[in-house]
């Protein structure tokens, strides 16, 4: 209303100016009435021309990109241009804010550990994040607007997408064939679909390992229990002679000890997996630790092997004594069990100069292990020779315990072996968990502990 009133005032002002100018001119030429009319018409024409020029400038600006400011005229068209420009700039700011929010939202989805794939009503790809592109073997830019079934042709996926029954997820092997992908389809909007993908390879592997573990434990326990049950039935139904009874009781004791060893190892593994990492400031005298384990191996060997020990004095290690003792005893016990009578077993405990790591090494000249078995030796219940392992009292969990212990202490286990030539196993503990005591402390401990750490048997 104010703008229209302003335009009317502008026209009236032009008309008054024209009429006044016409009256002056009419008086000068002696025709005042005609001069006033001509002057008024000229004033109106001038005002209309100015108004038209301003309107044309505004229209020219509106037809363009509006990147430049609107014409800064006075009056109606100047006010109109200002308000149009203000509205446009406000819309542009709102659109920029929306684009920023959308970009942040897509960036958040892109950072998700799960894959996100958007399909339109025709099952064409509208957008996917990097994880979905990796799961489905897609290019996020190149494959936009492509039919997803043309790019992802796994029969299980295609059938599931076309079935329109999306309550349960679907699993299939990724196009690259390395992983197992689980996909959930959720319809939304006007026929559009949201696909959520997840790499379940590790979960499937863990589930498979769990099933194998339960099956192995069941088998390992069932066998001695069957033997014990048979002996119990025999004792209940058949009177044994004085000669047979000790033999049967000895076999029953052996099977009982086998079950006990298996349960102990299972409990050890469960404790290792559920406990926090060992502290790095609880220092243990490594040479004394090795000497104690070596003495136990001598008892186990009972003089059937040539055992030697070379332990560097004053070499301490940070960790849990019971775990490190268990790992070392497992390696040394395996060497005693699988080395024939008269064989040689050499034990070393030293500081490796190259990297400052502490190394516990057990070397024997026993039966050895074929190269293809070495990568799997630390798997639970994996045996190179199952019958021989059971004969020697092994549970199939010893090296799995060793691996867990050394990994918890930040180290690694190294294995070398060749059939008929023996084996070498090393526990390598990181330099951060190793220190060398002062010479005076080493001397004081050697006086307090007279047992030799460099001996042969």
Protein backbone atom coordinates (compact mmCIF):
# COMPACT_ATOMS: atom_id res chain seq x y z
CA UNK A 1 0.00 0.00 0.00
CA UNK A 2 2.83 2.39 0.86
CA UNK A 3 4.65 1.48 -2.39
CA UNK A 4 1.56 2.24 -4.51
CA UNK A 5 1.04 5.53 -2.67
CA UNK A 6 4.69 6.39 -3.32
CA UNK A 7 4.25 5.75 -7.04
CA UNK A 8 1.13 7.99 -7.17
CA UNK A 9 2.98 10.81 -5.38
CA UNK A 10 5.84 10.45 -7.85
CA UNK A 11 3.45 10.79 -10.81
CA UNK A 12 1.63 13.76 -9.24
CA UNK A 13 4.94 15.44 -8.53
CA UNK A 14 5.98 14.98 -12.14
CA UNK A 15 2.61 16.28 -13.31
CA UNK A 16 2.90 19.38 -11.06
CA UNK A 17 6.45 20.06 -12.18
CA UNK A 18 5.40 19.70 -15.85
CA UNK A 19 2.35 21.94 -15.36
CA UNK A 20 4.36 24.64 -13.63
CA UNK A 21 7.02 24.50 -16.33
CA UNK A 22 4.26 24.68 -19.01
CA UNK A 23 2.61 27.66 -17.36
CA UNK A 24 5.94 29.55 -17.31
CA UNK A 25 6.54 28.74 -20.96
CA UNK A 26 2.89 29.61 -21.86
CA UNK A 27 3.15 32.98 -20.19
CA UNK A 28 6.37 33.64 -22.10
CA UNK A 29 4.83 32.83 -25.48
CA UNK A 30 1.41 34.29 -24.63
CA UNK A 31 -0.53 30.98 -24.58
CA UNK A 32 -0.68 30.05 -20.93
CA UNK A 33 -3.49 27.44 -21.13
CA UNK A 34 -1.88 25.45 -23.95
CA UNK A 35 1.51 25.68 -22.27
CA UNK A 36 0.15 24.32 -19.01
CA UNK A 37 -1.37 21.29 -20.81
CA UNK A 38 1.81 20.61 -22.75
CA UNK A 39 3.93 21.02 -19.65
CA UNK A 40 1.71 18.62 -17.68
CA UNK A 41 1.91 16.05 -20.44
CA UNK A 42 5.68 16.44 -20.58
CA UNK A 43 5.91 16.01 -16.78
CA UNK A 44 3.82 12.84 -16.87
CA UNK A 45 5.92 11.49 -19.75
CA UNK A 46 9.14 12.28 -17.86
CA UNK A 47 7.91 10.59 -14.69
CA UNK A 48 6.70 7.56 -16.66
CA UNK A 49 10.03 7.33 -18.51
CA UNK A 50 12.02 7.42 -15.28
CA UNK A 51 9.70 4.78 -13.81
CA UNK A 52 10.08 2.61 -16.90
CA UNK A 53 13.89 2.87 -16.81
CA UNK A 54 13.95 1.80 -13.17
CA UNK A 55 11.57 -1.08 -13.89
CA UNK A 56 13.71 -2.23 -16.82
CA UNK A 57 16.88 -2.15 -14.68
CA UNK A 58 15.18 -4.33 -12.07
CA UNK A 59 13.87 -6.78 -14.69
CA UNK A 60 17.33 -7.03 -16.26
CA UNK A 61 18.77 -7.91 -12.83
CA UNK A 62 16.02 -10.49 -12.23
CA UNK A 63 16.65 -12.14 -15.61
CA UNK A 64 20.33 -12.56 -14.72
CA UNK A 65 22.06 -14.66 -12.06
CA UNK A 66 21.42 -12.19 -9.23
CA UNK A 67 25.07 -12.46 -8.20
CA UNK A 68 25.40 -8.65 -8.26
CA UNK A 69 23.41 -6.36 -5.91
CA UNK A 70 19.98 -5.22 -7.11
CA UNK A 71 19.69 -1.72 -8.64
CA UNK A 72 19.77 0.85 -5.84
CA UNK A 73 17.01 3.15 -7.16
CA UNK A 74 14.67 5.27 -5.08
CA UNK A 75 10.95 4.87 -5.01
CA UNK A 76 8.86 1.80 -5.77
CA UNK A 77 11.28 -0.12 -8.00
CA UNK A 78 14.24 0.52 -5.71
CA UNK A 79 12.24 -0.80 -2.73
CA UNK A 80 11.05 -3.80 -4.75
CA UNK A 81 14.59 -4.67 -5.86
CA UNK A 82 15.88 -4.42 -2.28
CA UNK A 83 13.19 -6.70 -0.91
CA UNK A 84 13.57 -9.27 -3.71
CA UNK A 85 17.34 -9.34 -3.21
CA UNK A 86 16.93 -9.76 0.57
CA UNK A 87 14.52 -12.66 0.07
CA UNK A 88 16.87 -14.33 -2.44
CA UNK A 89 19.89 -13.98 -0.14
CA UNK A 90 17.88 -15.44 2.73
CA UNK A 91 16.85 -18.44 0.60
CA UNK A 92 20.45 -18.92 -0.51
CA UNK A 93 21.66 -18.93 3.10
CA UNK A 94 18.97 -21.44 4.08
CA UNK A 95 19.87 -23.66 1.11
CA UNK A 96 23.58 -23.46 2.00
CA UNK A 97 22.79 -24.40 5.61
CA UNK A 98 20.69 -27.35 4.41
CA UNK A 99 23.51 -28.49 2.12
CA UNK A 100 25.96 -28.25 5.01
CA UNK A 101 23.68 -30.30 7.25
CA UNK A 102 23.22 -32.86 4.49
CA UNK A 103 26.97 -33.04 3.93
CA UNK A 104 27.57 -33.57 7.65
CA UNK A 105 24.88 -36.24 7.76
CA UNK A 106 26.35 -38.08 4.77
CA UNK A 107 29.84 -37.74 6.27
CA UNK A 108 28.57 -39.33 9.49
CA UNK A 109 27.00 -42.19 7.54
CA UNK A 110 30.19 -42.54 5.52
CA UNK A 111 32.16 -42.96 8.74
CA UNK A 112 29.81 -45.72 9.93
CA UNK A 113 31.34 -49.20 10.31
CA UNK A 114 28.28 -50.52 8.47
CA UNK A 115 27.53 -50.13 4.78
CA UNK A 116 24.61 -47.91 3.69
CA UNK A 117 23.17 -48.13 0.18
CA UNK A 118 20.15 -46.13 -1.06
CA UNK A 119 18.04 -47.42 -3.96
CA UNK A 120 15.26 -45.58 -5.78
CA UNK A 121 11.92 -47.11 -6.77
CA UNK A 122 13.55 -48.71 -9.83
CA UNK A 123 16.34 -50.26 -7.71
CA UNK A 124 18.91 -47.86 -9.10
CA UNK A 125 21.73 -46.71 -6.85
CA UNK A 126 21.16 -43.21 -5.49
CA UNK A 127 24.01 -43.10 -2.98
CA UNK A 128 26.29 -45.39 -1.00
CA UNK A 129 28.98 -44.86 1.61
CA UNK A 130 32.55 -46.11 1.33
CA UNK A 131 31.87 -49.19 3.47
CA UNK A 132 28.98 -50.33 1.26
CA UNK A 133 31.10 -49.71 -1.83
CA UNK A 134 33.76 -52.01 -0.37
CA UNK A 135 31.21 -54.66 0.65
CA UNK A 136 29.48 -54.73 -2.73
CA UNK A 137 32.46 -53.96 -4.98
CA UNK A 138 30.99 -50.66 -6.20
CA UNK A 139 32.33 -47.27 -7.23
CA UNK A 140 30.38 -44.60 -5.25
CA UNK A 141 30.53 -42.08 -8.12
CA UNK A 142 30.67 -44.10 -11.31
CA UNK A 143 27.93 -46.55 -10.33
CA UNK A 144 25.30 -43.97 -9.36
CA UNK A 145 21.99 -44.41 -11.23
CA UNK A 146 22.97 -47.96 -12.18
CA UNK A 147 20.70 -50.95 -11.50
CA UNK A 148 22.08 -52.62 -8.40
CA UNK A 149 21.23 -56.10 -9.74
CA UNK A 150 23.40 -55.41 -12.80
CA UNK A 151 26.39 -54.80 -10.57
CA UNK A 152 25.71 -57.20 -7.70
CA UNK A 153 24.62 -60.52 -9.16
CA UNK A 154 24.91 -62.86 -6.17
CA UNK A 155 21.82 -65.12 -6.57
CA UNK A 156 21.00 -65.01 -2.86
CA UNK A 157 21.02 -61.19 -2.90
CA UNK A 158 18.99 -60.84 -6.12
CA UNK A 159 16.35 -63.32 -4.95
CA UNK A 160 16.08 -61.64 -1.58
CA UNK A 161 15.74 -58.15 -3.11
CA UNK A 162 13.03 -59.30 -5.49
CA UNK A 163 11.13 -61.32 -2.91
CA UNK A 164 9.83 -58.23 -1.06
CA UNK A 165 10.14 -60.21 2.19
CA UNK A 166 12.72 -58.32 4.17
CA UNK A 167 12.06 -59.41 7.77
CA UNK A 168 15.20 -61.54 8.02
CA UNK A 169 18.70 -60.50 6.86
CA UNK A 170 20.49 -62.28 4.05
CA UNK A 171 24.12 -63.45 4.02
CA UNK A 172 26.29 -64.09 0.98
CA UNK A 173 29.89 -64.00 -0.12
CA UNK A 174 31.13 -60.59 -1.27
CA UNK A 175 31.88 -60.10 -4.99
CA UNK A 176 35.60 -60.15 -4.23
CA UNK A 177 35.14 -63.52 -2.52
CA UNK A 178 37.09 -62.65 0.62
CA UNK A 179 34.36 -61.88 3.14
CA UNK A 180 30.85 -62.83 4.18
CA UNK A 181 28.36 -59.95 4.01
CA UNK A 182 25.08 -59.68 5.88
CA UNK A 183 22.47 -57.35 4.33
CA UNK A 184 19.28 -55.93 5.82
CA UNK A 185 16.75 -54.35 3.42
CA UNK A 186 14.32 -51.71 4.69
CA UNK A 187 11.71 -50.08 2.39
CA UNK A 188 11.07 -46.35 2.82
CA UNK A 189 9.53 -43.44 0.93
CA UNK A 190 7.83 -44.05 -2.41
CA UNK A 191 9.17 -47.50 -3.25
CA UNK A 192 12.72 -46.68 -2.20
CA UNK A 193 14.95 -49.09 -0.29
CA UNK A 194 17.65 -48.72 2.34
CA UNK A 195 20.28 -51.48 2.38
CA UNK A 196 22.42 -51.91 5.51
CA UNK A 197 25.44 -54.19 5.11
CA UNK A 198 27.86 -55.62 7.63
CA UNK A 199 31.01 -57.73 7.34
CA UNK A 200 30.32 -60.82 9.47
CA UNK A 201 33.41 -62.78 8.45
CA UNK A 202 35.05 -62.54 11.87
CA UNK A 203 31.81 -63.36 13.61
CA UNK A 204 31.29 -66.41 11.40
CA UNK A 205 34.86 -67.50 12.00
CA UNK A 206 34.48 -67.08 15.75
CA UNK A 207 31.22 -69.00 15.69
CA UNK A 208 32.89 -71.77 13.73
CA UNK A 209 35.78 -71.79 16.20
CA UNK A 210 33.31 -71.97 19.08
CA UNK A 211 31.53 -74.94 17.51
CA UNK A 212 34.84 -76.68 16.84
CA UNK A 213 36.01 -75.91 20.36
CA UNK A 214 32.87 -77.39 21.93
CA UNK A 215 33.12 -80.43 19.67
CA UNK A 216 36.80 -80.92 20.51
CA UNK A 217 36.26 -80.54 24.25
CA UNK A 218 33.36 -82.96 24.11
CA UNK A 219 35.47 -85.49 22.21
CA UNK A 220 38.49 -85.08 24.49
CA UNK A 221 36.39 -85.60 27.62
CA UNK A 222 34.16 -88.33 26.19
CA UNK A 223 37.06 -90.64 25.37
CA UNK A 224 38.53 -90.96 28.89
CA UNK A 225 35.05 -90.96 30.40
CA UNK A 226 34.14 -93.91 28.19
CA UNK A 227 37.24 -95.73 29.36
CA UNK A 228 36.47 -94.96 33.00
CA UNK A 229 32.85 -96.04 32.60
CA UNK A 230 34.01 -99.31 31.09
CA UNK A 231 36.38 -99.98 33.95
CA UNK A 232 33.70 -99.09 36.50
CA UNK A 233 31.29 -101.57 34.87
CA UNK A 234 34.05 -104.17 34.85
CA UNK A 235 34.80 -103.65 38.54
CA UNK A 236 31.09 -103.87 39.35
CA UNK A 237 30.42 -107.05 37.41
CA UNK A 238 33.66 -108.99 37.13
CA UNK A 239 35.84 -109.88 40.13
CA UNK A 240 39.44 -108.98 39.34
CA UNK A 241 42.44 -110.96 40.40
CA UNK A 242 45.16 -109.49 42.56
CA UNK A 243 47.30 -109.15 39.42
CA UNK A 244 44.66 -107.43 37.24
CA UNK A 245 43.37 -104.97 39.85
CA UNK A 246 46.52 -102.75 40.05
CA UNK A 247 46.69 -102.55 36.27
CA UNK A 248 43.03 -101.51 35.96
CA UNK A 249 43.36 -98.95 38.75
CA UNK A 250 46.49 -97.52 37.11
CA UNK A 251 44.62 -97.09 33.80
CA UNK A 252 41.70 -95.46 35.58
CA UNK A 253 44.09 -93.09 37.35
CA UNK A 254 45.71 -92.26 34.01
CA UNK A 255 42.36 -91.37 32.43
CA UNK A 256 41.37 -89.34 35.47
CA UNK A 257 44.61 -87.38 35.27
CA UNK A 258 43.98 -86.82 31.58
CA UNK A 259 40.58 -85.26 32.31
CA UNK A 260 42.10 -83.22 35.13
CA UNK A 261 44.84 -81.90 32.84
CA UNK A 262 42.29 -80.97 30.20
CA UNK A 263 40.12 -79.11 32.72
CA UNK A 264 43.17 -77.31 34.14
CA UNK A 265 44.28 -76.17 30.68
CA UNK A 266 40.76 -75.01 29.80
CA UNK A 267 40.58 -72.99 33.01
CA UNK A 268 44.02 -71.52 32.28
CA UNK A 269 42.94 -70.43 28.81
CA UNK A 270 39.72 -68.90 30.17
CA UNK A 271 41.70 -67.00 32.80
CA UNK A 272 44.19 -65.72 30.22
CA UNK A 273 41.46 -64.50 27.88
CA UNK A 274 39.48 -62.77 30.62
CA UNK A 275 42.32 -61.10 32.54
CA UNK A 276 43.79 -57.60 32.00
CA UNK A 277 47.21 -57.27 30.40
CA UNK A 278 50.12 -57.88 32.77
CA UNK A 279 51.67 -54.87 34.46
CA UNK A 280 54.98 -53.66 33.05
CA UNK A 281 56.44 -52.71 36.43
CA UNK A 282 56.31 -56.08 38.20
CA UNK A 283 59.86 -57.34 37.69
CA UNK A 284 60.87 -61.00 37.94
CA UNK A 285 64.40 -62.50 37.96
CA UNK A 286 64.36 -64.28 34.63
CA UNK A 287 67.40 -66.47 35.32
CA UNK A 288 65.83 -67.89 38.51
CA UNK A 289 62.55 -68.43 36.67
CA UNK A 290 64.28 -70.38 33.92
CA UNK A 291 66.30 -72.40 36.42
CA UNK A 292 63.13 -73.52 38.18
CA UNK A 293 61.50 -74.59 34.91
CA UNK A 294 64.67 -76.40 33.89
CA UNK A 295 64.71 -78.33 37.18
CA UNK A 296 61.13 -79.49 36.54
CA UNK A 297 62.13 -80.65 33.06
CA UNK A 298 64.99 -82.68 34.56
CA UNK A 299 62.50 -84.46 36.78
CA UNK A 300 60.21 -85.11 33.82
CA UNK A 301 63.09 -86.46 31.73
CA UNK A 302 64.26 -88.72 34.57
CA UNK A 303 67.71 -89.00 33.02
CA UNK A 304 66.52 -90.12 29.57
CA UNK A 305 67.85 -87.01 27.77
CA UNK A 306 70.90 -84.79 27.64
CA UNK A 307 69.73 -81.43 28.99
CA UNK A 308 71.80 -78.22 29.02
CA UNK A 309 71.02 -74.74 30.28
CA UNK A 310 72.64 -71.44 29.40
CA UNK A 311 70.93 -68.58 31.26
CA UNK A 312 72.27 -65.02 31.19
CA UNK A 313 72.45 -63.79 34.81
CA UNK A 314 70.86 -60.52 35.86
CA UNK A 315 68.25 -60.50 33.09
CA UNK A 316 64.87 -59.49 34.52
CA UNK A 317 61.48 -59.54 32.83
CA UNK A 318 58.25 -57.68 33.68
CA UNK A 319 55.16 -59.83 33.82
CA UNK A 320 53.15 -62.42 35.71
CA UNK A 321 55.30 -65.19 37.13
CA UNK A 322 52.71 -67.97 36.91
CA UNK A 323 51.95 -67.23 33.23
CA UNK A 324 55.59 -67.02 32.14
CA UNK A 325 56.42 -70.18 34.09
CA UNK A 326 53.52 -71.99 32.44
CA UNK A 327 54.61 -70.93 28.94
CA UNK A 328 58.25 -71.90 29.46
CA UNK A 329 57.29 -75.21 31.09
CA UNK A 330 54.99 -76.05 28.18
CA UNK A 331 57.76 -75.58 25.62
CA UNK A 332 60.33 -77.47 27.64
CA UNK A 333 57.84 -80.24 28.53
CA UNK A 334 56.98 -80.72 24.84
CA UNK A 335 60.67 -81.07 24.03
CA UNK A 336 61.06 -83.78 26.68
CA UNK A 337 57.94 -85.65 25.57
CA UNK A 338 58.70 -85.63 21.84
CA UNK A 339 62.45 -86.22 21.96
CA UNK A 340 63.45 -89.92 21.98
CA UNK A 341 65.54 -91.29 24.82
CA UNK A 342 69.14 -90.22 24.54
CA UNK A 343 68.23 -87.06 22.64
CA UNK A 344 69.63 -83.61 23.37
CA UNK A 345 67.65 -80.62 24.65
CA UNK A 346 69.35 -77.22 24.96
CA UNK A 347 67.75 -74.30 26.83
CA UNK A 348 68.89 -70.68 26.52
CA UNK A 349 67.83 -67.47 28.25
CA UNK A 350 69.57 -64.43 26.83
CA UNK A 351 69.32 -60.79 25.78
CA UNK A 352 69.21 -60.40 21.99
CA UNK A 353 71.63 -57.63 21.14
CA UNK A 354 69.93 -56.70 17.87
CA UNK A 355 66.72 -55.38 19.45
CA UNK A 356 67.08 -55.71 23.23
CA UNK A 357 64.47 -58.46 23.48
CA UNK A 358 64.72 -61.34 25.94
CA UNK A 359 64.65 -64.78 24.31
CA UNK A 360 63.79 -68.10 25.94
CA UNK A 361 64.84 -70.81 23.49
CA UNK A 362 64.30 -74.57 23.59
CA UNK A 363 66.19 -76.59 20.98
CA UNK A 364 65.97 -80.37 20.59
CA UNK A 365 66.98 -83.05 18.11
CA UNK A 366 63.72 -84.96 18.39
CA UNK A 367 61.23 -86.19 15.79
CA UNK A 368 60.62 -82.75 14.29
CA UNK A 369 57.51 -81.32 12.65
CA UNK A 370 56.66 -80.94 8.96
CA UNK A 371 56.59 -77.37 7.65
CA UNK A 372 52.89 -77.41 6.75
CA UNK A 373 51.92 -77.99 10.39
CA UNK A 374 53.85 -75.07 11.88
CA UNK A 375 51.29 -72.28 11.21
CA UNK A 376 48.56 -74.25 13.02
CA UNK A 377 50.49 -75.54 16.02
CA UNK A 378 49.11 -72.85 18.34
CA UNK A 379 45.48 -73.63 17.47
CA UNK A 380 43.47 -75.26 20.22
CA UNK A 381 43.42 -79.04 20.03
CA UNK A 382 45.52 -79.08 16.88
CA UNK A 383 47.78 -82.13 16.86
CA UNK A 384 50.34 -83.26 14.35
CA UNK A 385 49.93 -86.82 15.59
CA UNK A 386 46.87 -87.20 17.79
CA UNK A 387 47.60 -90.69 19.03
CA UNK A 388 51.17 -89.86 20.04
CA UNK A 389 50.03 -86.66 21.75
CA UNK A 390 47.54 -88.54 23.89
CA UNK A 391 50.11 -91.23 24.72
CA UNK A 392 52.44 -88.57 26.09
CA UNK A 393 49.69 -86.94 28.13
CA UNK A 394 49.17 -83.89 25.94
CA UNK A 395 45.81 -82.07 25.87
CA UNK A 396 46.31 -80.18 22.60
CA UNK A 397 46.10 -76.86 24.46
CA UNK A 398 49.71 -76.33 25.54
CA UNK A 399 50.90 -74.21 22.62
CA UNK A 400 47.62 -72.29 22.60
CA UNK A 401 48.37 -71.32 26.21
CA UNK A 402 51.93 -70.37 25.27
CA UNK A 403 50.67 -68.12 22.45
CA UNK A 404 48.18 -66.36 24.73
CA UNK A 405 50.79 -65.80 27.43
CA UNK A 406 53.43 -64.36 25.13
CA UNK A 407 50.92 -62.15 23.30
CA UNK A 408 49.59 -60.80 26.59
CA UNK A 409 53.17 -59.82 27.43
CA UNK A 410 53.59 -58.09 24.06
CA UNK A 411 55.88 -60.73 22.59
CA UNK A 412 55.73 -63.48 20.01
CA UNK A 413 56.49 -67.16 19.57
CA UNK A 414 58.93 -68.33 16.89
CA UNK A 415 59.04 -71.91 15.60
CA UNK A 416 61.49 -73.79 13.40
CA UNK A 417 61.39 -77.51 12.75
CA UNK A 418 62.28 -80.21 10.27
CA UNK A 419 61.21 -83.85 10.42
CA UNK A 420 63.98 -86.08 11.77
CA UNK A 421 66.20 -83.12 12.73
CA UNK A 422 64.40 -81.62 15.71
CA UNK A 423 62.67 -78.38 16.58
CA UNK A 424 63.43 -74.93 17.98
CA UNK A 425 60.85 -72.87 19.87
CA UNK A 426 61.48 -69.33 21.10
CA UNK A 427 59.56 -67.02 23.37
CA UNK A 428 60.54 -63.45 22.47
CA UNK A 429 59.65 -60.81 25.06
CA UNK A 430 59.80 -57.12 24.01
CA UNK A 431 62.60 -54.80 25.14
CA UNK A 432 60.09 -52.70 27.09
CA UNK A 433 59.63 -55.64 29.47
CA UNK A 434 63.33 -56.44 29.87
CA UNK A 435 66.04 -54.96 32.06
CA UNK A 436 69.56 -55.96 33.09
CA UNK A 437 70.37 -55.73 36.77
CA UNK A 438 73.54 -54.07 38.05
CA UNK A 439 76.58 -56.33 38.45
CA UNK A 440 76.55 -55.96 42.25
CA UNK A 441 72.92 -57.12 42.42
CA UNK A 442 73.68 -60.10 40.19
CA UNK A 443 76.61 -61.13 42.43
CA UNK A 444 74.49 -60.81 45.56
CA UNK A 445 71.76 -63.00 44.08
CA UNK A 446 74.24 -65.64 42.89
CA UNK A 447 75.53 -65.95 46.48
CA UNK A 448 72.00 -66.30 47.78
CA UNK A 449 71.13 -68.84 45.05
CA UNK A 450 74.05 -71.25 44.68
CA UNK A 451 72.38 -73.40 41.98
CA UNK A 452 74.33 -73.15 38.75
CA UNK A 453 72.60 -71.58 35.74
CA UNK A 454 75.11 -72.96 33.25
CA UNK A 455 75.03 -76.70 33.50
CA UNK A 456 74.84 -79.88 31.52
CA UNK A 457 73.29 -83.17 32.43
